[in-house]
């Protein structure tokens, strides 16, 4: 009711066709991003590529005169962030990062209680996220596992939680730091194979 999809761009034609069926759109498919934008003339481009490529599509969308909505994280390193901020300033267009973890019922309830000051004045916040071997495992089976794609899980996954904390507190961070360790997967795991689909240890992982 709010959006007309005018084009889809993906290097995987099969995935784009299936996406069109799911969305119920007859919008044309493209493999060339510039061609899609120039031919369909969208108001807004939505970017859902691998994390490390978000910034290049954001910048190009802005340069081509479109607003952009990027899936989180916006970027995977500080050089990409600066390039996006510079492009946004040059283009006079708008960028939105879709931190959808804000919209779960639990996250919304926390925000509501904090706004009602149910817990009084906040002095300190300690936010922990533990990725287990079920939900956490999925990140190590896909492209996220490679630092060059995701900037590590501290970027890909924790960006949700940094955002939630800032949103709940109605604050902007002055400094952000994070630490992490590999405790279960890779060389620390009891077994390994080449990839998940044919792995003989599937039932034990």
C-alpha atoms as a PDB file:
ATOM      1  CA  UNK A   1       0.000   0.000   0.000  1.00  0.00           C
ATOM      2  CA  UNK A   2       2.976   2.327   0.449  1.00  0.00           C
ATOM      3  CA  UNK A   3       5.607   1.331  -2.110  1.00  0.00           C
ATOM      4  CA  UNK A   4       5.788   0.508  -5.803  1.00  0.00           C
ATOM      5  CA  UNK A   5       8.763  -1.722  -6.588  1.00  0.00           C
ATOM      6  CA  UNK A   6      10.118  -0.596  -9.964  1.00  0.00           C
ATOM      7  CA  UNK A   7      13.176  -2.823 -10.356  1.00  0.00           C
ATOM      8  CA  UNK A   8      15.223  -5.621  -8.787  1.00  0.00           C
ATOM      9  CA  UNK A   9      18.968  -6.017  -9.181  1.00  0.00           C
ATOM     10  CA  UNK A  10      20.854  -9.205  -8.327  1.00  0.00           C
ATOM     11  CA  UNK A  11      23.764 -11.059  -9.897  1.00  0.00           C
ATOM     12  CA  UNK A  12      21.804 -14.264  -9.217  1.00  0.00           C
ATOM     13  CA  UNK A  13      18.949 -14.277 -11.749  1.00  0.00           C
ATOM     14  CA  UNK A  14      17.181 -17.233 -10.127  1.00  0.00           C
ATOM     15  CA  UNK A  15      17.115 -15.513  -6.747  1.00  0.00           C
ATOM     16  CA  UNK A  16      15.717 -12.342  -8.334  1.00  0.00           C
ATOM     17  CA  UNK A  17      12.941 -14.303 -10.104  1.00  0.00           C
ATOM     18  CA  UNK A  18      11.939 -16.021  -6.850  1.00  0.00           C
ATOM     19  CA  UNK A  19      11.991 -12.694  -4.999  1.00  0.00           C
ATOM     20  CA  UNK A  20       9.631 -11.248  -7.608  1.00  0.00           C
ATOM     21  CA  UNK A  21       7.215 -14.143  -7.094  1.00  0.00           C
ATOM     22  CA  UNK A  22       7.295 -13.761  -3.313  1.00  0.00           C
ATOM     23  CA  UNK A  23       6.744  -9.991  -3.538  1.00  0.00           C
ATOM     24  CA  UNK A  24       4.116 -10.283  -6.237  1.00  0.00           C
ATOM     25  CA  UNK A  25       5.696  -7.715  -8.527  1.00  0.00           C
ATOM     26  CA  UNK A  26       6.214  -7.576 -12.275  1.00  0.00           C
ATOM     27  CA  UNK A  27       9.144  -5.155 -11.911  1.00  0.00           C
ATOM     28  CA  UNK A  28      12.021  -5.942 -14.295  1.00  0.00           C
ATOM     29  CA  UNK A  29      15.204  -7.724 -13.179  1.00  0.00           C
ATOM     30  CA  UNK A  30      18.655  -6.244 -13.706  1.00  0.00           C
ATOM     31  CA  UNK A  31      22.215  -7.378 -13.121  1.00  0.00           C
ATOM     32  CA  UNK A  32      23.635  -3.880 -13.719  1.00  0.00           C
ATOM     33  CA  UNK A  33      22.891  -1.485 -10.854  1.00  0.00           C
ATOM     34  CA  UNK A  34      23.420   1.742 -12.804  1.00  0.00           C
ATOM     35  CA  UNK A  35      21.206   0.499 -15.631  1.00  0.00           C
ATOM     36  CA  UNK A  36      18.423  -0.337 -13.168  1.00  0.00           C
ATOM     37  CA  UNK A  37      18.515   3.104 -11.533  1.00  0.00           C
ATOM     38  CA  UNK A  38      18.793   4.998 -14.808  1.00  0.00           C
ATOM     39  CA  UNK A  39      15.973   3.069 -16.486  1.00  0.00           C
ATOM     40  CA  UNK A  40      13.503   2.797 -13.593  1.00  0.00           C
ATOM     41  CA  UNK A  41      14.241   6.162 -11.919  1.00  0.00           C
ATOM     42  CA  UNK A  42      13.373   5.130  -8.336  1.00  0.00           C
ATOM     43  CA  UNK A  43      12.874   7.624  -5.509  1.00  0.00           C
ATOM     44  CA  UNK A  44      14.600   5.292  -3.058  1.00  0.00           C
ATOM     45  CA  UNK A  45      17.041   2.420  -3.489  1.00  0.00           C
ATOM     46  CA  UNK A  46      16.970  -0.378  -0.892  1.00  0.00           C
ATOM     47  CA  UNK A  47      20.332  -2.108  -0.437  1.00  0.00           C
ATOM     48  CA  UNK A  48      20.469  -5.673   0.917  1.00  0.00           C
ATOM     49  CA  UNK A  49      23.784  -6.942  -0.429  1.00  0.00           C
ATOM     50  CA  UNK A  50      26.659  -8.542   1.468  1.00  0.00           C
ATOM     51  CA  UNK A  51      27.664  -6.139   4.268  1.00  0.00           C
ATOM     52  CA  UNK A  52      31.047  -5.159   2.833  1.00  0.00           C
ATOM     53  CA  UNK A  53      29.403  -3.911  -0.377  1.00  0.00           C
ATOM     54  CA  UNK A  54      26.630  -1.802   1.203  1.00  0.00           C
ATOM     55  CA  UNK A  55      28.737   1.348   1.070  1.00  0.00           C
ATOM     56  CA  UNK A  56      29.472   1.198  -2.665  1.00  0.00           C
ATOM     57  CA  UNK A  57      25.778   0.845  -3.547  1.00  0.00           C
ATOM     58  CA  UNK A  58      24.800   3.541  -1.044  1.00  0.00           C
ATOM     59  CA  UNK A  59      27.285   5.958  -2.577  1.00  0.00           C
ATOM     60  CA  UNK A  60      26.254   5.135  -6.143  1.00  0.00           C
ATOM     61  CA  UNK A  61      22.537   5.492  -5.326  1.00  0.00           C
ATOM     62  CA  UNK A  62      23.184   8.921  -3.793  1.00  0.00           C
ATOM     63  CA  UNK A  63      25.308   9.959  -6.780  1.00  0.00           C
ATOM     64  CA  UNK A  64      22.496   8.923  -9.131  1.00  0.00           C
ATOM     65  CA  UNK A  65      20.073  11.204  -7.262  1.00  0.00           C
ATOM     66  CA  UNK A  66      18.222   8.656  -5.106  1.00  0.00           C
ATOM     67  CA  UNK A  67      17.668   8.386  -1.391  1.00  0.00           C
ATOM     68  CA  UNK A  68      18.981   5.116   0.021  1.00  0.00           C
ATOM     69  CA  UNK A  69      17.872   2.636   2.650  1.00  0.00           C
ATOM     70  CA  UNK A  70      20.589   0.198   3.683  1.00  0.00           C
ATOM     71  CA  UNK A  71      20.274  -2.960   5.662  1.00  0.00           C
ATOM     72  CA  UNK A  72      22.459  -2.871   8.770  1.00  0.00           C
ATOM     73  CA  UNK A  73      25.377  -2.525   9.170  1.00  0.00           C
ATOM     74  CA  UNK A  74      25.832   0.519   6.966  1.00  0.00           C
ATOM     75  CA  UNK A  75      29.547  -0.278   6.558  1.00  0.00           C
ATOM     76  CA  UNK A  76      32.190  -2.693   7.809  1.00  0.00           C
ATOM     77  CA  UNK A  77      35.045  -0.290   8.531  1.00  0.00           C
ATOM     78  CA  UNK A  78      35.726   3.363   9.267  1.00  0.00           C
ATOM     79  CA  UNK A  79      36.969   4.212   5.759  1.00  0.00           C
ATOM     80  CA  UNK A  80      33.679   3.054   4.266  1.00  0.00           C
ATOM     81  CA  UNK A  81      31.770   5.096   6.866  1.00  0.00           C
ATOM     82  CA  UNK A  82      33.668   8.264   5.968  1.00  0.00           C
ATOM     83  CA  UNK A  83      33.140   7.689   2.239  1.00  0.00           C
ATOM     84  CA  UNK A  84      29.371   7.331   2.797  1.00  0.00           C
ATOM     85  CA  UNK A  85      29.151  10.442   5.000  1.00  0.00           C
ATOM     86  CA  UNK A  86      31.063  12.448   2.389  1.00  0.00           C
ATOM     87  CA  UNK A  87      28.806  11.175  -0.417  1.00  0.00           C
ATOM     88  CA  UNK A  88      25.651  11.979   1.534  1.00  0.00           C
ATOM     89  CA  UNK A  89      26.880  15.518   2.119  1.00  0.00           C
ATOM     90  CA  UNK A  90      27.826  15.994  -1.548  1.00  0.00           C
ATOM     91  CA  UNK A  91      24.571  14.585  -2.908  1.00  0.00           C
ATOM     92  CA  UNK A  92      22.124  16.326  -0.575  1.00  0.00           C
ATOM     93  CA  UNK A  93      20.144  13.049  -0.522  1.00  0.00           C
ATOM     94  CA  UNK A  94      19.086  11.006   2.525  1.00  0.00           C
ATOM     95  CA  UNK A  95      20.346   7.698   3.854  1.00  0.00           C
ATOM     96  CA  UNK A  96      18.481   5.501   6.336  1.00  0.00           C
ATOM     97  CA  UNK A  97      19.930   2.384   7.990  1.00  0.00           C
ATOM     98  CA  UNK A  98      17.270  -0.208   8.804  1.00  0.00           C
ATOM     99  CA  UNK A  99      17.952  -1.372  12.336  1.00  0.00           C
ATOM    100  CA  UNK A 100      14.968  -3.690  12.463  1.00  0.00           C
ATOM    101  CA  UNK A 101      15.868  -5.205  15.874  1.00  0.00           C
ATOM    102  CA  UNK A 102      14.160  -2.121  17.341  1.00  0.00           C
ATOM    103  CA  UNK A 103      10.814  -3.408  16.162  1.00  0.00           C
ATOM    104  CA  UNK A 104      10.465  -6.680  18.098  1.00  0.00           C
ATOM    105  CA  UNK A 105       7.830  -6.663  20.816  1.00  0.00           C
ATOM    106  CA  UNK A 106      10.443  -7.150  23.566  1.00  0.00           C
ATOM    107  CA  UNK A 107      12.624  -4.264  22.363  1.00  0.00           C
ATOM    108  CA  UNK A 108       9.593  -1.987  22.077  1.00  0.00           C
ATOM    109  CA  UNK A 109       8.472  -2.882  25.599  1.00  0.00           C
ATOM    110  CA  UNK A 110      11.899  -2.037  27.035  1.00  0.00           C
ATOM    111  CA  UNK A 111      11.758   1.350  25.275  1.00  0.00           C
ATOM    112  CA  UNK A 112       8.254   1.978  26.588  1.00  0.00           C
ATOM    113  CA  UNK A 113       9.235   1.171  30.199  1.00  0.00           C
ATOM    114  CA  UNK A 114      12.336   3.347  30.000  1.00  0.00           C
ATOM    115  CA  UNK A 115      10.335   6.278  28.610  1.00  0.00           C
ATOM    116  CA  UNK A 116       7.881   5.860  31.493  1.00  0.00           C
ATOM    117  CA  UNK A 117      10.885   5.958  33.860  1.00  0.00           C
ATOM    118  CA  UNK A 118       9.739   2.727  35.518  1.00  0.00           C
ATOM    119  CA  UNK A 119      13.344   1.969  36.508  1.00  0.00           C
ATOM    120  CA  UNK A 120      14.219   5.545  37.441  1.00  0.00           C
ATOM    121  CA  UNK A 121      17.434   7.236  36.347  1.00  0.00           C
ATOM    122  CA  UNK A 122      19.857   5.081  34.381  1.00  0.00           C
ATOM    123  CA  UNK A 123      23.416   5.341  35.584  1.00  0.00           C
ATOM    124  CA  UNK A 124      25.028   2.424  33.765  1.00  0.00           C
ATOM    125  CA  UNK A 125      24.032  -0.189  31.187  1.00  0.00           C
ATOM    126  CA  UNK A 126      25.579  -3.609  30.641  1.00  0.00           C
ATOM    127  CA  UNK A 127      24.307  -5.369  27.499  1.00  0.00           C
ATOM    128  CA  UNK A 128      25.458  -8.926  26.728  1.00  0.00           C
ATOM    129  CA  UNK A 129      24.621 -11.067  23.724  1.00  0.00           C
ATOM    130  CA  UNK A 130      25.614 -14.709  23.657  1.00  0.00           C
ATOM    131  CA  UNK A 131      25.501 -16.474  20.299  1.00  0.00           C
ATOM    132  CA  UNK A 132      24.773 -20.118  20.934  1.00  0.00           C
ATOM    133  CA  UNK A 133      25.401 -23.140  18.730  1.00  0.00           C
ATOM    134  CA  UNK A 134      21.936 -22.897  17.161  1.00  0.00           C
ATOM    135  CA  UNK A 135      21.328 -19.267  16.170  1.00  0.00           C
ATOM    136  CA  UNK A 136      25.027 -18.508  16.293  1.00  0.00           C
ATOM    137  CA  UNK A 137      25.867 -21.466  14.091  1.00  0.00           C
ATOM    138  CA  UNK A 138      24.036 -20.001  11.110  1.00  0.00           C
ATOM    139  CA  UNK A 139      26.529 -17.136  10.946  1.00  0.00           C
ATOM    140  CA  UNK A 140      29.413 -19.559  10.623  1.00  0.00           C
ATOM    141  CA  UNK A 141      27.733 -21.490   7.809  1.00  0.00           C
ATOM    142  CA  UNK A 142      27.227 -18.539   5.487  1.00  0.00           C
ATOM    143  CA  UNK A 143      29.137 -15.587   4.032  1.00  0.00           C
ATOM    144  CA  UNK A 144      29.099 -13.788   7.402  1.00  0.00           C
ATOM    145  CA  UNK A 145      31.859 -16.044   8.703  1.00  0.00           C
ATOM    146  CA  UNK A 146      34.439 -14.260   6.554  1.00  0.00           C
ATOM    147  CA  UNK A 147      35.746 -11.003   8.000  1.00  0.00           C
ATOM    148  CA  UNK A 148      36.129  -9.448   4.548  1.00  0.00           C
ATOM    149  CA  UNK A 149      32.366  -9.915   3.984  1.00  0.00           C
ATOM    150  CA  UNK A 150      30.895  -8.943   7.347  1.00  0.00           C
ATOM    151  CA  UNK A 151      33.584  -7.059   9.243  1.00  0.00           C
ATOM    152  CA  UNK A 152      33.223  -9.869  11.840  1.00  0.00           C
ATOM    153  CA  UNK A 153      30.198 -10.692  13.957  1.00  0.00           C
ATOM    154  CA  UNK A 154      31.035  -7.707  16.168  1.00  0.00           C
ATOM    155  CA  UNK A 155      29.961  -5.555  13.221  1.00  0.00           C
ATOM    156  CA  UNK A 156      27.324  -7.731  11.568  1.00  0.00           C
ATOM    157  CA  UNK A 157      25.490  -8.927  14.676  1.00  0.00           C
ATOM    158  CA  UNK A 158      26.424  -6.483  17.431  1.00  0.00           C
ATOM    159  CA  UNK A 159      25.391  -3.475  15.327  1.00  0.00           C
ATOM    160  CA  UNK A 160      21.821  -4.459  16.260  1.00  0.00           C
ATOM    161  CA  UNK A 161      22.617  -4.275  19.938  1.00  0.00           C
ATOM    162  CA  UNK A 162      24.620  -1.064  19.862  1.00  0.00           C
ATOM    163  CA  UNK A 163      21.637   0.456  18.075  1.00  0.00           C
ATOM    164  CA  UNK A 164      19.132  -0.941  20.583  1.00  0.00           C
ATOM    165  CA  UNK A 165      21.102   0.424  23.517  1.00  0.00           C
ATOM    166  CA  UNK A 166      21.419   3.869  21.923  1.00  0.00           C
ATOM    167  CA  UNK A 167      17.716   3.891  21.023  1.00  0.00           C
ATOM    168  CA  UNK A 168      16.597   2.775  24.483  1.00  0.00           C
ATOM    169  CA  UNK A 169      18.772   5.419  26.133  1.00  0.00           C
ATOM    170  CA  UNK A 170      18.018   8.125  23.549  1.00  0.00           C
ATOM    171  CA  UNK A 171      21.753   8.731  23.283  1.00  0.00           C
ATOM    172  CA  UNK A 172      24.583   8.917  20.792  1.00  0.00           C
ATOM    173  CA  UNK A 173      27.794   7.056  21.597  1.00  0.00           C
ATOM    174  CA  UNK A 174      30.983   8.995  22.248  1.00  0.00           C
ATOM    175  CA  UNK A 175      33.176   5.914  21.964  1.00  0.00           C
ATOM    176  CA  UNK A 176      32.439   2.279  21.125  1.00  0.00           C
ATOM    177  CA  UNK A 177      34.705  -0.685  21.750  1.00  0.00           C
ATOM    178  CA  UNK A 178      34.172  -4.422  21.636  1.00  0.00           C
ATOM    179  CA  UNK A 179      36.010  -7.649  22.290  1.00  0.00           C
ATOM    180  CA  UNK A 180      35.269 -11.160  21.148  1.00  0.00           C
ATOM    181  CA  UNK A 181      36.768 -14.605  20.869  1.00  0.00           C
ATOM    182  CA  UNK A 182      36.283 -17.811  18.918  1.00  0.00           C
ATOM    183  CA  UNK A 183      35.409 -20.519  21.427  1.00  0.00           C
ATOM    184  CA  UNK A 184      33.604 -23.197  19.457  1.00  0.00           C
ATOM    185  CA  UNK A 185      34.038 -22.990  15.696  1.00  0.00           C
ATOM    186  CA  UNK A 186      37.026 -23.201  13.386  1.00  0.00           C
ATOM    187  CA  UNK A 187      40.218 -24.587  14.879  1.00  0.00           C
ATOM    188  CA  UNK A 188      38.568 -24.670  18.336  1.00  0.00           C
ATOM    189  CA  UNK A 189      35.862 -27.108  17.231  1.00  0.00           C
ATOM    190  CA  UNK A 190      36.074 -30.869  17.829  1.00  0.00           C
ATOM    191  CA  UNK A 191      35.608 -31.610  14.098  1.00  0.00           C
ATOM    192  CA  UNK A 192      35.439 -29.835  10.778  1.00  0.00           C
ATOM    193  CA  UNK A 193      34.652 -30.438   7.147  1.00  0.00           C
ATOM    194  CA  UNK A 194      34.784 -28.408   3.931  1.00  0.00           C
ATOM    195  CA  UNK A 195      31.225 -27.024   4.125  1.00  0.00           C
ATOM    196  CA  UNK A 196      27.909 -27.751   5.808  1.00  0.00           C
ATOM    197  CA  UNK A 197      25.868 -29.306   3.010  1.00  0.00           C
ATOM    198  CA  UNK A 198      27.963 -32.491   2.736  1.00  0.00           C
ATOM    199  CA  UNK A 199      29.448 -32.493   6.243  1.00  0.00           C
ATOM    200  CA  UNK A 200      29.461 -35.916   7.945  1.00  0.00           C
ATOM    201  CA  UNK A 201      29.201 -34.187  11.348  1.00  0.00           C
ATOM    202  CA  UNK A 202      25.940 -32.333  10.635  1.00  0.00           C
ATOM    203  CA  UNK A 203      24.026 -34.016  13.457  1.00  0.00           C
ATOM    204  CA  UNK A 204      26.739 -33.255  16.010  1.00  0.00           C
ATOM    205  CA  UNK A 205      27.554 -29.640  15.154  1.00  0.00           C
END
